[in-house]
Protein backbone atom coordinates (compact mmCIF):
# COMPACT_ATOMS: atom_id res chain seq x y z
CA UNK A 1 -135.01 102.10 -153.89
CA UNK A 2 -138.83 102.42 -154.64
CA UNK A 3 -140.79 105.59 -154.62
CA UNK A 4 -142.20 106.08 -151.19
CA UNK A 5 -137.90 104.66 -149.21
CA UNK A 6 -136.40 107.76 -150.70
CA UNK A 7 -139.21 110.86 -148.11
CA UNK A 8 -138.55 110.97 -144.75
CA UNK A 9 -141.66 111.44 -141.97
CA UNK A 10 -143.93 110.51 -144.27
CA UNK A 11 -142.81 112.01 -147.88
CA UNK A 12 -141.98 115.94 -146.05
CA UNK A 13 -138.45 115.53 -147.86
CA UNK A 14 -139.94 118.00 -151.14
CA UNK A 15 -141.36 120.30 -149.45
CA UNK A 16 -138.13 121.15 -147.01
CA UNK A 17 -137.40 124.95 -149.27
CA UNK A 18 -140.19 125.47 -149.01
CA UNK A 19 -140.13 125.31 -145.53
CA UNK A 20 -136.88 126.63 -144.67
CA UNK A 21 -137.72 129.67 -146.86
CA UNK A 22 -140.51 130.43 -145.06
CA UNK A 23 -138.93 130.44 -141.42
CA UNK A 24 -135.82 133.21 -143.35
CA UNK A 25 -138.70 135.38 -144.53
CA UNK A 26 -140.89 135.01 -142.03
CA UNK A 27 -137.21 135.94 -140.32
CA UNK A 28 -136.81 138.68 -142.58
CA UNK A 29 -140.32 140.34 -142.32
CA UNK A 30 -138.95 139.99 -137.92
CA UNK A 31 -136.27 141.72 -138.87
CA UNK A 32 -138.13 144.74 -140.99
CA UNK A 33 -140.06 145.21 -138.13
CA UNK A 34 -138.03 145.84 -135.62
CA UNK A 35 -135.36 148.06 -138.21
CA UNK A 36 -138.69 149.88 -138.21
CA UNK A 37 -139.34 150.19 -135.15
CA UNK A 38 -136.20 151.40 -134.57
CA UNK A 39 -135.68 154.04 -137.14
CA UNK A 40 -138.38 155.35 -135.57
CA UNK A 41 -137.85 155.19 -132.20
CA UNK A 42 -134.08 156.58 -132.26
CA UNK A 43 -133.96 157.60 -135.99
CA UNK A 44 -132.51 160.67 -135.22
CA UNK A 45 -130.51 160.57 -132.19
CA UNK A 46 -129.28 157.49 -135.27
CA UNK A 47 -128.88 159.83 -137.72
CA UNK A 48 -126.85 162.19 -135.56
CA UNK A 49 -124.41 159.49 -134.81
CA UNK A 50 -124.29 157.98 -137.90
CA UNK A 51 -122.74 161.58 -139.59
CA UNK A 52 -120.46 161.71 -136.56
CA UNK A 53 -118.79 158.54 -137.15
CA UNK A 54 -118.99 159.70 -141.11
CA UNK A 55 -116.68 162.88 -140.68
CA UNK A 56 -114.11 160.39 -137.55
CA UNK A 57 -113.55 158.15 -140.30
CA UNK A 58 -113.04 161.25 -143.27
CA UNK A 59 -110.62 162.41 -140.36
CA UNK A 60 -108.93 160.09 -140.31
CA UNK A 61 -108.78 158.97 -143.95
CA UNK A 62 -107.75 162.42 -144.47
CA UNK A 63 -105.56 161.94 -141.66
CA UNK A 64 -102.06 164.71 -140.85
CA UNK A 65 -101.74 166.48 -136.98
CA UNK A 66 -104.05 169.15 -138.01
CA UNK A 67 -107.02 166.38 -138.30
CA UNK A 68 -106.01 164.48 -135.29
CA UNK A 69 -107.53 166.87 -133.26
CA UNK A 70 -110.68 167.98 -135.34
CA UNK A 71 -110.61 163.46 -135.00
CA UNK A 72 -109.99 163.82 -130.76
CA UNK A 73 -113.09 166.43 -131.23
CA UNK A 74 -115.26 164.00 -132.94
CA UNK A 75 -115.03 161.55 -130.66
CA UNK A 76 -115.74 163.39 -128.08
CA UNK A 77 -119.09 164.43 -129.40
CA UNK A 78 -119.29 160.96 -130.25
CA UNK A 79 -119.10 160.02 -126.63
CA UNK A 80 -121.77 162.56 -125.12
CA UNK A 81 -123.65 161.07 -128.44
CA UNK A 82 -123.38 157.80 -127.13
CA UNK A 83 -124.55 158.94 -122.96
CA UNK A 84 -127.80 160.21 -124.55
C-alpha cells in the first residue's frame, strides 16, 4: 500500500483526532457557558432545591417513623419550590 492509499479524503485522516478534540472542546465550552447562565439566573433557586434534596436524602437514610413525617414536610417544601 502506498503512502497515499492510507489517506482518506485527500490526506486528512491524520487530523481526525484533533478535529474531534476541537468539536469536544467547543461543546464543553458551550456547556460551561450555559451552566454559567443558569447559575446566574437560577442559582439561588437551585441552591434551595439542592438543600432540600440533601435534607430529604438524609431523612430517608436515617429512617424511622419520626423521619417519615419530617420527609413528608420536606417533600411539601420541595413541591412548593418547584412551583415557583
